[in-house]
Amino acid sequence: MRELREKVALVTGASSGIGAAIAVELAAQGAHLALVGRDQERLNAVAARATAHGVSVKIHIADLDREEDLNSLKAAVDDDFGRLDILVHSAGVFEHGLVEDMPAESLLRQFRVNTLAPYALTHLFLPVIRRRRGQIVFVNSRAGLVAPPTLTQYAATKHALRAIADGLREEVSRDGVRVLSVYPGKTATPLQQRIQEAAGNKYDPSLFPQPEDVARLVVSALTLPANAEMTDVIVRPQQEPYQ
């Protein structure tokens, strides 16, 4: 089992949902954290839960749509920790609608956050992750495997993210760097609540896997022995609600 104690992990989208759950689970395993998001109050709440495990936590308010924020984030993590062992891409934005109703600009907005930002952050941190023989996690979506109607734009960004992860894995595997893609289906997150309410469904979070379920799976993959690698994991409700 790979030890995570004293490792340094950066988690984007850490203010809620799956990102927050992964951050707290990493802290429970002894990892120090750099938490990235746009909501100071929510990040503070997640940081409080994480520091209860006796680890160091730094909060970074950043808009992943801004190149200057990405560069500042790299510099801040270097100053705070001087290293990085685990990079978790969990931030994302979502818009839905038919292609005929969705302008190209909405695709560009989603692409910049869902695809370009993970690529750019990986590019910035990859030299240190190579040196540390670290790990990179892409929290993708089942939309990264299929393209349901009204999710064409979102699915396109997630398909591209899958390609980045797959190609990166082939590039860095020989250096001892592991790359994991996680494809959650419907999960009990604030985003899922908005999606179901927009569709006119009564939202019942008990019907979906919880963010903590996904977080435990991610940490299980991160703690596999060094001679094993989990590359792709699909998580979905045992029985799909709202067909």
C-alpha atoms as a PDB file:
ATOM      1  CA  MET A   1       0.000   0.000   0.000  1.00  0.00           C
ATOM      2  CA  ARG A   2       1.403   3.404  -0.966  1.00  0.00           C
ATOM      3  CA  GLU A   3       1.669   5.776   1.972  1.00  0.00           C
ATOM      4  CA  LEU A   4       0.065   9.224   1.555  1.00  0.00           C
ATOM      5  CA  ARG A   5       1.209  10.650   4.885  1.00  0.00           C
ATOM      6  CA  GLU A   6       3.266  13.824   4.399  1.00  0.00           C
ATOM      7  CA  LYS A   7       2.478  13.908   0.666  1.00  0.00           C
ATOM      8  CA  VAL A   8       1.305  17.229  -0.793  1.00  0.00           C
ATOM      9  CA  ALA A   9      -1.891  17.264  -2.853  1.00  0.00           C
ATOM     10  CA  LEU A  10      -3.500  20.037  -4.863  1.00  0.00           C
ATOM     11  CA  VAL A  11      -7.259  19.723  -5.408  1.00  0.00           C
ATOM     12  CA  THR A  12      -9.198  22.009  -7.746  1.00  0.00           C
ATOM     13  CA  GLY A  13     -12.944  22.384  -7.314  1.00  0.00           C
ATOM     14  CA  ALA A  14     -12.346  21.765  -3.611  1.00  0.00           C
ATOM     15  CA  SER A  15     -15.131  23.968  -2.274  1.00  0.00           C
ATOM     16  CA  SER A  16     -17.930  21.399  -2.706  1.00  0.00           C
ATOM     17  CA  GLY A  17     -19.013  18.061  -4.099  1.00  0.00           C
ATOM     18  CA  ILE A  18     -16.491  15.457  -5.190  1.00  0.00           C
ATOM     19  CA  GLY A  19     -13.515  17.827  -4.933  1.00  0.00           C
ATOM     20  CA  ALA A  20     -14.277  18.655  -1.299  1.00  0.00           C
ATOM     21  CA  ALA A  21     -14.789  14.986  -0.445  1.00  0.00           C
ATOM     22  CA  ILE A  22     -11.486  13.983  -2.059  1.00  0.00           C
ATOM     23  CA  ALA A  23      -9.687  16.736  -0.154  1.00  0.00           C
ATOM     24  CA  VAL A  24     -11.023  15.580   3.215  1.00  0.00           C
ATOM     25  CA  GLU A  25     -10.275  11.927   2.445  1.00  0.00           C
ATOM     26  CA  LEU A  26      -6.699  12.813   1.461  1.00  0.00           C
ATOM     27  CA  ALA A  27      -6.313  14.722   4.721  1.00  0.00           C
ATOM     28  CA  ALA A  28      -7.576  11.680   6.621  1.00  0.00           C
ATOM     29  CA  GLN A  29      -4.698   9.759   5.034  1.00  0.00           C
ATOM     30  CA  GLY A  30      -2.199  12.370   6.233  1.00  0.00           C
ATOM     31  CA  ALA A  31      -1.708  14.404   3.051  1.00  0.00           C
ATOM     32  CA  HIS A  32      -1.119  18.153   3.205  1.00  0.00           C
ATOM     33  CA  LEU A  33      -3.425  20.147   0.954  1.00  0.00           C
ATOM     34  CA  ALA A  34      -3.604  23.070  -1.421  1.00  0.00           C
ATOM     35  CA  LEU A  35      -7.315  23.724  -1.909  1.00  0.00           C
ATOM     36  CA  VAL A  36      -8.398  25.642  -5.004  1.00  0.00           C
ATOM     37  CA  GLY A  37     -11.786  27.210  -5.647  1.00  0.00           C
ATOM     38  CA  ARG A  38     -13.656  30.477  -6.027  1.00  0.00           C
ATOM     39  CA  ASP A  39     -15.769  30.474  -2.846  1.00  0.00           C
ATOM     40  CA  GLN A  40     -13.735  31.568   0.181  1.00  0.00           C
ATOM     41  CA  GLU A  41     -16.389  30.624   2.736  1.00  0.00           C
ATOM     42  CA  ARG A  42     -16.867  27.105   1.395  1.00  0.00           C
ATOM     43  CA  LEU A  43     -13.133  26.549   1.079  1.00  0.00           C
ATOM     44  CA  ASN A  44     -12.719  27.626   4.698  1.00  0.00           C
ATOM     45  CA  ALA A  45     -15.305  25.042   5.746  1.00  0.00           C
ATOM     46  CA  VAL A  46     -13.523  22.280   3.827  1.00  0.00           C
ATOM     47  CA  ALA A  47     -10.170  23.403   5.254  1.00  0.00           C
ATOM     48  CA  ALA A  48     -11.564  23.176   8.785  1.00  0.00           C
ATOM     49  CA  ARG A  49     -12.637  19.576   8.185  1.00  0.00           C
ATOM     50  CA  ALA A  50      -9.238  18.740   6.709  1.00  0.00           C
ATOM     51  CA  THR A  51      -7.110  20.367   9.411  1.00  0.00           C
ATOM     52  CA  ALA A  52      -8.965  18.313  12.009  1.00  0.00           C
ATOM     53  CA  HIS A  53      -6.772  15.457  10.750  1.00  0.00           C
ATOM     54  CA  GLY A  54      -3.629  17.347  11.758  1.00  0.00           C
ATOM     55  CA  VAL A  55      -2.398  18.294   8.271  1.00  0.00           C
ATOM     56  CA  SER A  56      -1.358  21.608   6.768  1.00  0.00           C
ATOM     57  CA  VAL A  57      -3.915  23.241   4.481  1.00  0.00           C
ATOM     58  CA  LYS A  58      -3.514  26.262   2.227  1.00  0.00           C
ATOM     59  CA  ILE A  59      -6.444  27.943   0.469  1.00  0.00           C
ATOM     60  CA  HIS A  60      -6.115  29.478  -2.991  1.00  0.00           C
ATOM     61  CA  ILE A  61      -8.890  31.555  -4.522  1.00  0.00           C
ATOM     62  CA  ALA A  62      -8.484  31.191  -8.276  1.00  0.00           C
ATOM     63  CA  ASP A  63     -10.489  31.463 -11.457  1.00  0.00           C
ATOM     64  CA  LEU A  64      -9.265  28.615 -13.647  1.00  0.00           C
ATOM     65  CA  ASP A  65     -10.465  30.534 -16.693  1.00  0.00           C
ATOM     66  CA  ARG A  66      -7.622  33.036 -16.140  1.00  0.00           C
ATOM     67  CA  GLU A  67      -4.065  32.163 -17.175  1.00  0.00           C
ATOM     68  CA  GLU A  68      -2.621  34.587 -14.636  1.00  0.00           C
ATOM     69  CA  ASP A  69      -4.454  32.775 -11.821  1.00  0.00           C
ATOM     70  CA  LEU A  70      -2.977  29.447 -12.952  1.00  0.00           C
ATOM     71  CA  ASN A  71       0.543  30.870 -12.959  1.00  0.00           C
ATOM     72  CA  SER A  72      -0.001  32.474  -9.550  1.00  0.00           C
ATOM     73  CA  LEU A  73      -1.267  29.175  -8.193  1.00  0.00           C
ATOM     74  CA  LYS A  74       1.902  27.392  -9.302  1.00  0.00           C
ATOM     75  CA  ALA A  75       4.074  30.022  -7.628  1.00  0.00           C
ATOM     76  CA  ALA A  76       2.020  29.886  -4.410  1.00  0.00           C
ATOM     77  CA  VAL A  77       2.239  26.105  -4.103  1.00  0.00           C
ATOM     78  CA  ASP A  78       5.988  26.271  -4.704  1.00  0.00           C
ATOM     79  CA  ASP A  79       6.300  28.865  -1.919  1.00  0.00           C
ATOM     80  CA  ASP A  80       4.011  27.021   0.504  1.00  0.00           C
ATOM     81  CA  PHE A  81       5.289  23.463   0.084  1.00  0.00           C
ATOM     82  CA  GLY A  82       8.182  23.370  -2.356  1.00  0.00           C
ATOM     83  CA  ARG A  83       6.824  20.181  -3.882  1.00  0.00           C
ATOM     84  CA  LEU A  84       3.696  18.440  -5.184  1.00  0.00           C
ATOM     85  CA  ASP A  85       2.922  14.729  -5.127  1.00  0.00           C
ATOM     86  CA  ILE A  86      -0.744  14.519  -6.131  1.00  0.00           C
ATOM     87  CA  LEU A  87      -2.673  16.730  -8.563  1.00  0.00           C
ATOM     88  CA  VAL A  88      -6.459  16.306  -8.565  1.00  0.00           C
ATOM     89  CA  HIS A  89      -8.481  18.012 -11.289  1.00  0.00           C
ATOM     90  CA  SER A  90     -12.044  18.217  -9.977  1.00  0.00           C
ATOM     91  CA  ALA A  91     -13.202  21.680 -11.044  1.00  0.00           C
ATOM     92  CA  GLY A  92     -15.709  21.958 -13.858  1.00  0.00           C
ATOM     93  CA  VAL A  93     -18.571  23.942 -15.328  1.00  0.00           C
ATOM     94  CA  PHE A  94     -21.685  22.630 -16.983  1.00  0.00           C
ATOM     95  CA  GLU A  95     -24.213  23.956 -19.480  1.00  0.00           C
ATOM     96  CA  HIS A  96     -26.851  21.952 -21.264  1.00  0.00           C
ATOM     97  CA  GLY A  97     -29.055  22.474 -24.284  1.00  0.00           C
ATOM     98  CA  LEU A  98     -29.512  21.442 -27.868  1.00  0.00           C
ATOM     99  CA  VAL A  99     -26.767  22.280 -30.342  1.00  0.00           C
ATOM    100  CA  GLU A 100     -29.141  24.522 -32.280  1.00  0.00           C
ATOM    101  CA  ASP A 101     -29.771  26.526 -29.099  1.00  0.00           C
ATOM    102  CA  MET A 102     -26.221  26.678 -27.717  1.00  0.00           C
ATOM    103  CA  PRO A 103     -23.825  29.262 -29.197  1.00  0.00           C
ATOM    104  CA  ALA A 104     -20.162  28.470 -29.687  1.00  0.00           C
ATOM    105  CA  GLU A 105     -19.215  30.814 -26.849  1.00  0.00           C
ATOM    106  CA  SER A 106     -20.836  28.482 -24.297  1.00  0.00           C
ATOM    107  CA  LEU A 107     -18.673  25.648 -25.621  1.00  0.00           C
ATOM    108  CA  LEU A 108     -15.589  27.848 -25.293  1.00  0.00           C
ATOM    109  CA  ARG A 109     -16.471  28.754 -21.679  1.00  0.00           C
ATOM    110  CA  GLN A 110     -16.780  25.095 -20.737  1.00  0.00           C
ATOM    111  CA  PHE A 111     -13.692  24.114 -22.703  1.00  0.00           C
ATOM    112  CA  ARG A 112     -11.522  26.689 -20.953  1.00  0.00           C
ATOM    113  CA  VAL A 113     -12.386  25.385 -17.467  1.00  0.00           C
ATOM    114  CA  ASN A 114     -13.076  21.696 -18.109  1.00  0.00           C
ATOM    115  CA  THR A 115     -10.227  20.977 -20.523  1.00  0.00           C
ATOM    116  CA  LEU A 116      -7.734  23.786 -20.994  1.00  0.00           C
ATOM    117  CA  ALA A 117      -7.245  24.520 -17.277  1.00  0.00           C
ATOM    118  CA  PRO A 118      -6.448  20.878 -16.329  1.00  0.00           C
ATOM    119  CA  TYR A 119      -4.046  20.691 -19.263  1.00  0.00           C
ATOM    120  CA  ALA A 120      -2.349  23.959 -18.292  1.00  0.00           C
ATOM    121  CA  LEU A 121      -2.024  23.025 -14.612  1.00  0.00           C
ATOM    122  CA  THR A 122      -0.654  19.611 -15.526  1.00  0.00           C
ATOM    123  CA  HIS A 123       1.878  21.287 -17.823  1.00  0.00           C
ATOM    124  CA  LEU A 124       2.957  23.642 -15.032  1.00  0.00           C
ATOM    125  CA  PHE A 125       3.315  20.998 -12.325  1.00  0.00           C
ATOM    126  CA  LEU A 126       4.490  18.026 -14.389  1.00  0.00           C
ATOM    127  CA  PRO A 127       8.247  18.565 -13.864  1.00  0.00           C
ATOM    128  CA  VAL A 128       7.919  18.362 -10.074  1.00  0.00           C
ATOM    129  CA  ILE A 129       5.416  15.499 -10.262  1.00  0.00           C
ATOM    130  CA  ARG A 130       7.879  13.566 -12.433  1.00  0.00           C
ATOM    131  CA  ARG A 131      10.642  14.152  -9.883  1.00  0.00           C
ATOM    132  CA  ARG A 132       8.361  13.029  -7.055  1.00  0.00           C
ATOM    133  CA  ARG A 133       7.031  10.032  -9.029  1.00  0.00           C
ATOM    134  CA  GLY A 134       3.626  11.457  -8.205  1.00  0.00           C
ATOM    135  CA  GLN A 135       0.051  10.900  -9.302  1.00  0.00           C
ATOM    136  CA  ILE A 136      -2.525  12.845 -11.324  1.00  0.00           C
ATOM    137  CA  VAL A 137      -6.290  12.382 -11.062  1.00  0.00           C
ATOM    138  CA  PHE A 138      -8.737  13.647 -13.663  1.00  0.00           C
ATOM    139  CA  VAL A 139     -12.292  13.699 -12.310  1.00  0.00           C
ATOM    140  CA  ASN A 140     -14.041  13.323 -15.626  1.00  0.00           C
ATOM    141  CA  SER A 141     -17.704  12.362 -16.149  1.00  0.00           C
ATOM    142  CA  ARG A 142     -19.655   9.615 -17.812  1.00  0.00           C
ATOM    143  CA  ALA A 143     -20.216  12.291 -20.432  1.00  0.00           C
ATOM    144  CA  GLY A 144     -16.555  11.735 -21.241  1.00  0.00           C
ATOM    145  CA  LEU A 145     -17.517   8.295 -22.553  1.00  0.00           C
ATOM    146  CA  VAL A 146     -20.839   9.027 -24.237  1.00  0.00           C
ATOM    147  CA  ALA A 147     -22.534  12.157 -25.587  1.00  0.00           C
ATOM    148  CA  PRO A 148     -26.161  12.307 -24.390  1.00  0.00           C
ATOM    149  CA  PRO A 149     -28.585  14.700 -26.057  1.00  0.00           C
ATOM    150  CA  THR A 150     -28.465  18.243 -24.650  1.00  0.00           C
ATOM    151  CA  LEU A 151     -24.974  17.525 -23.259  1.00  0.00           C
ATOM    152  CA  THR A 152     -23.078  17.696 -26.540  1.00  0.00           C
ATOM    153  CA  GLN A 153     -20.889  20.643 -25.554  1.00  0.00           C
ATOM    154  CA  TYR A 154     -20.123  19.377 -22.063  1.00  0.00           C
ATOM    155  CA  ALA A 155     -19.418  15.889 -23.408  1.00  0.00           C
ATOM    156  CA  ALA A 156     -17.037  17.323 -25.997  1.00  0.00           C
ATOM    157  CA  THR A 157     -14.946  18.961 -23.259  1.00  0.00           C
ATOM    158  CA  LYS A 158     -14.899  15.743 -21.247  1.00  0.00           C
ATOM    159  CA  HIS A 159     -14.026  13.573 -24.252  1.00  0.00           C
ATOM    160  CA  ALA A 160     -11.055  15.879 -24.818  1.00  0.00           C
ATOM    161  CA  LEU A 161     -10.088  15.553 -21.146  1.00  0.00           C
ATOM    162  CA  ARG A 162     -10.098  11.790 -21.515  1.00  0.00           C
ATOM    163  CA  ALA A 163      -7.723  12.064 -24.473  1.00  0.00           C
ATOM    164  CA  ILE A 164      -5.379  14.274 -22.453  1.00  0.00           C
ATOM    165  CA  ALA A 165      -5.300  11.763 -19.598  1.00  0.00           C
ATOM    166  CA  ASP A 166      -4.788   8.781 -21.896  1.00  0.00           C
ATOM    167  CA  GLY A 167      -1.983  10.412 -23.852  1.00  0.00           C
ATOM    168  CA  LEU A 168      -0.321  11.750 -20.717  1.00  0.00           C
ATOM    169  CA  ARG A 169      -0.367   8.297 -19.129  1.00  0.00           C
ATOM    170  CA  GLU A 170       1.570   6.864 -22.037  1.00  0.00           C
ATOM    171  CA  GLU A 171       4.111   9.680 -21.758  1.00  0.00           C
ATOM    172  CA  VAL A 172       4.806   9.474 -18.016  1.00  0.00           C
ATOM    173  CA  SER A 173       4.220   5.848 -17.045  1.00  0.00           C
ATOM    174  CA  ARG A 174       7.886   4.938 -17.570  1.00  0.00           C
ATOM    175  CA  ASP A 175       8.790   7.670 -15.060  1.00  0.00           C
ATOM    176  CA  GLY A 176       6.680   6.093 -12.327  1.00  0.00           C
ATOM    177  CA  VAL A 177       3.886   8.676 -12.599  1.00  0.00           C
ATOM    178  CA  ARG A 178       0.359   7.271 -12.392  1.00  0.00           C
ATOM    179  CA  VAL A 179      -2.646   8.866 -14.132  1.00  0.00           C
ATOM    180  CA  LEU A 180      -6.223   8.042 -13.106  1.00  0.00           C
ATOM    181  CA  SER A 181      -9.446   9.036 -14.884  1.00  0.00           C
ATOM    182  CA  VAL A 182     -12.665   8.790 -12.857  1.00  0.00           C
ATOM    183  CA  TYR A 183     -15.985   8.845 -14.671  1.00  0.00           C
ATOM    184  CA  PRO A 184     -18.789   9.568 -12.175  1.00  0.00           C
ATOM    185  CA  GLY A 185     -22.331   9.246 -13.364  1.00  0.00           C
ATOM    186  CA  LYS A 186     -25.117  10.936 -11.430  1.00  0.00           C
ATOM    187  CA  THR A 187     -23.694  11.766  -7.983  1.00  0.00           C
ATOM    188  CA  ALA A 188     -25.290  13.540  -5.015  1.00  0.00           C
ATOM    189  CA  THR A 189     -23.649  16.936  -5.521  1.00  0.00           C
ATOM    190  CA  PRO A 190     -25.000  20.513  -5.683  1.00  0.00           C
ATOM    191  CA  LEU A 191     -24.498  20.359  -9.463  1.00  0.00           C
ATOM    192  CA  GLN A 192     -26.623  17.230  -9.728  1.00  0.00           C
ATOM    193  CA  GLN A 193     -29.342  18.901  -7.695  1.00  0.00           C
ATOM    194  CA  ARG A 194     -29.421  21.824 -10.131  1.00  0.00           C
ATOM    195  CA  ILE A 195     -29.522  19.443 -13.095  1.00  0.00           C
ATOM    196  CA  GLN A 196     -32.424  17.413 -11.736  1.00  0.00           C
ATOM    197  CA  GLU A 197     -34.427  20.420 -10.648  1.00  0.00           C
ATOM    198  CA  ALA A 198     -33.911  22.020 -14.074  1.00  0.00           C
ATOM    199  CA  ALA A 199     -35.269  18.813 -15.627  1.00  0.00           C
ATOM    200  CA  GLY A 200     -38.364  18.994 -13.412  1.00  0.00           C
ATOM    201  CA  ASN A 201     -37.376  16.012 -11.247  1.00  0.00           C
ATOM    202  CA  LYS A 202     -37.728  15.919  -7.486  1.00  0.00           C
ATOM    203  CA  TYR A 203     -34.157  15.660  -6.256  1.00  0.00           C
ATOM    204  CA  ASP A 204     -33.514  12.801  -3.829  1.00  0.00           C
ATOM    205  CA  PRO A 205     -29.775  12.551  -2.995  1.00  0.00           C
ATOM    206  CA  SER A 206     -30.212   9.081  -1.489  1.00  0.00           C
ATOM    207  CA  LEU A 207     -30.729   7.708  -5.011  1.00  0.00           C
ATOM    208  CA  PHE A 208     -27.175   8.606  -6.036  1.00  0.00           C
ATOM    209  CA  PRO A 209     -23.648   7.673  -4.972  1.00  0.00           C
ATOM    210  CA  GLN A 210     -22.312  10.195  -2.471  1.00  0.00           C
ATOM    211  CA  PRO A 211     -19.210  12.330  -3.107  1.00  0.00           C
ATOM    212  CA  GLU A 212     -17.532  10.476  -0.242  1.00  0.00           C
ATOM    213  CA  ASP A 213     -18.019   7.200  -2.134  1.00  0.00           C
ATOM    214  CA  VAL A 214     -16.105   8.581  -5.096  1.00  0.00           C
ATOM    215  CA  ALA A 215     -13.452  10.047  -2.788  1.00  0.00           C
ATOM    216  CA  ARG A 216     -12.810   6.708  -1.101  1.00  0.00           C
ATOM    217  CA  LEU A 217     -12.435   5.078  -4.507  1.00  0.00           C
ATOM    218  CA  VAL A 218      -9.932   7.722  -5.625  1.00  0.00           C
ATOM    219  CA  VAL A 219      -7.837   7.365  -2.478  1.00  0.00           C
ATOM    220  CA  SER A 220      -7.919   3.567  -2.831  1.00  0.00           C
ATOM    221  CA  ALA A 221      -6.420   3.979  -6.303  1.00  0.00           C
ATOM    222  CA  LEU A 222      -3.799   6.426  -5.025  1.00  0.00           C
ATOM    223  CA  THR A 223      -2.703   4.005  -2.316  1.00  0.00           C
ATOM    224  CA  LEU A 224      -2.241   0.977  -4.561  1.00  0.00           C
ATOM    225  CA  PRO A 225       1.245  -0.556  -4.409  1.00  0.00           C
ATOM    226  CA  ALA A 226       3.771   1.075  -6.725  1.00  0.00           C
ATOM    227  CA  ASN A 227       3.723  -1.944  -9.049  1.00  0.00           C
ATOM    228  CA  ALA A 228       0.017  -1.476  -9.871  1.00  0.00           C
ATOM    229  CA  GLU A 229      -2.022   1.262 -11.514  1.00  0.00           C
ATOM    230  CA  MET A 230      -5.740   1.902 -11.768  1.00  0.00           C
ATOM    231  CA  THR A 231      -6.303   3.836 -14.998  1.00  0.00           C
ATOM    232  CA  ASP A 232     -10.073   4.256 -15.493  1.00  0.00           C
ATOM    233  CA  VAL A 233     -13.015   3.902 -13.124  1.00  0.00           C
ATOM    234  CA  ILE A 234     -16.723   4.357 -13.859  1.00  0.00           C
ATOM    235  CA  VAL A 235     -19.048   5.105 -10.936  1.00  0.00           C
ATOM    236  CA  ARG A 236     -22.809   5.236 -11.366  1.00  0.00           C
ATOM    237  CA  PRO A 237     -25.985   4.697  -9.352  1.00  0.00           C
ATOM    238  CA  GLN A 238     -26.700   0.999  -8.840  1.00  0.00           C
ATOM    239  CA  GLN A 239     -30.122   1.665 -10.379  1.00  0.00           C
ATOM    240  CA  GLU A 240     -30.284   4.692 -12.661  1.00  0.00           C
ATOM    241  CA  PRO A 241     -33.005   7.121 -11.477  1.00  0.00           C
ATOM    242  CA  TYR A 242     -34.664   9.558 -13.848  1.00  0.00           C
ATOM    243  CA  GLN A 243     -34.130   7.641 -17.076  1.00  0.00           C
END
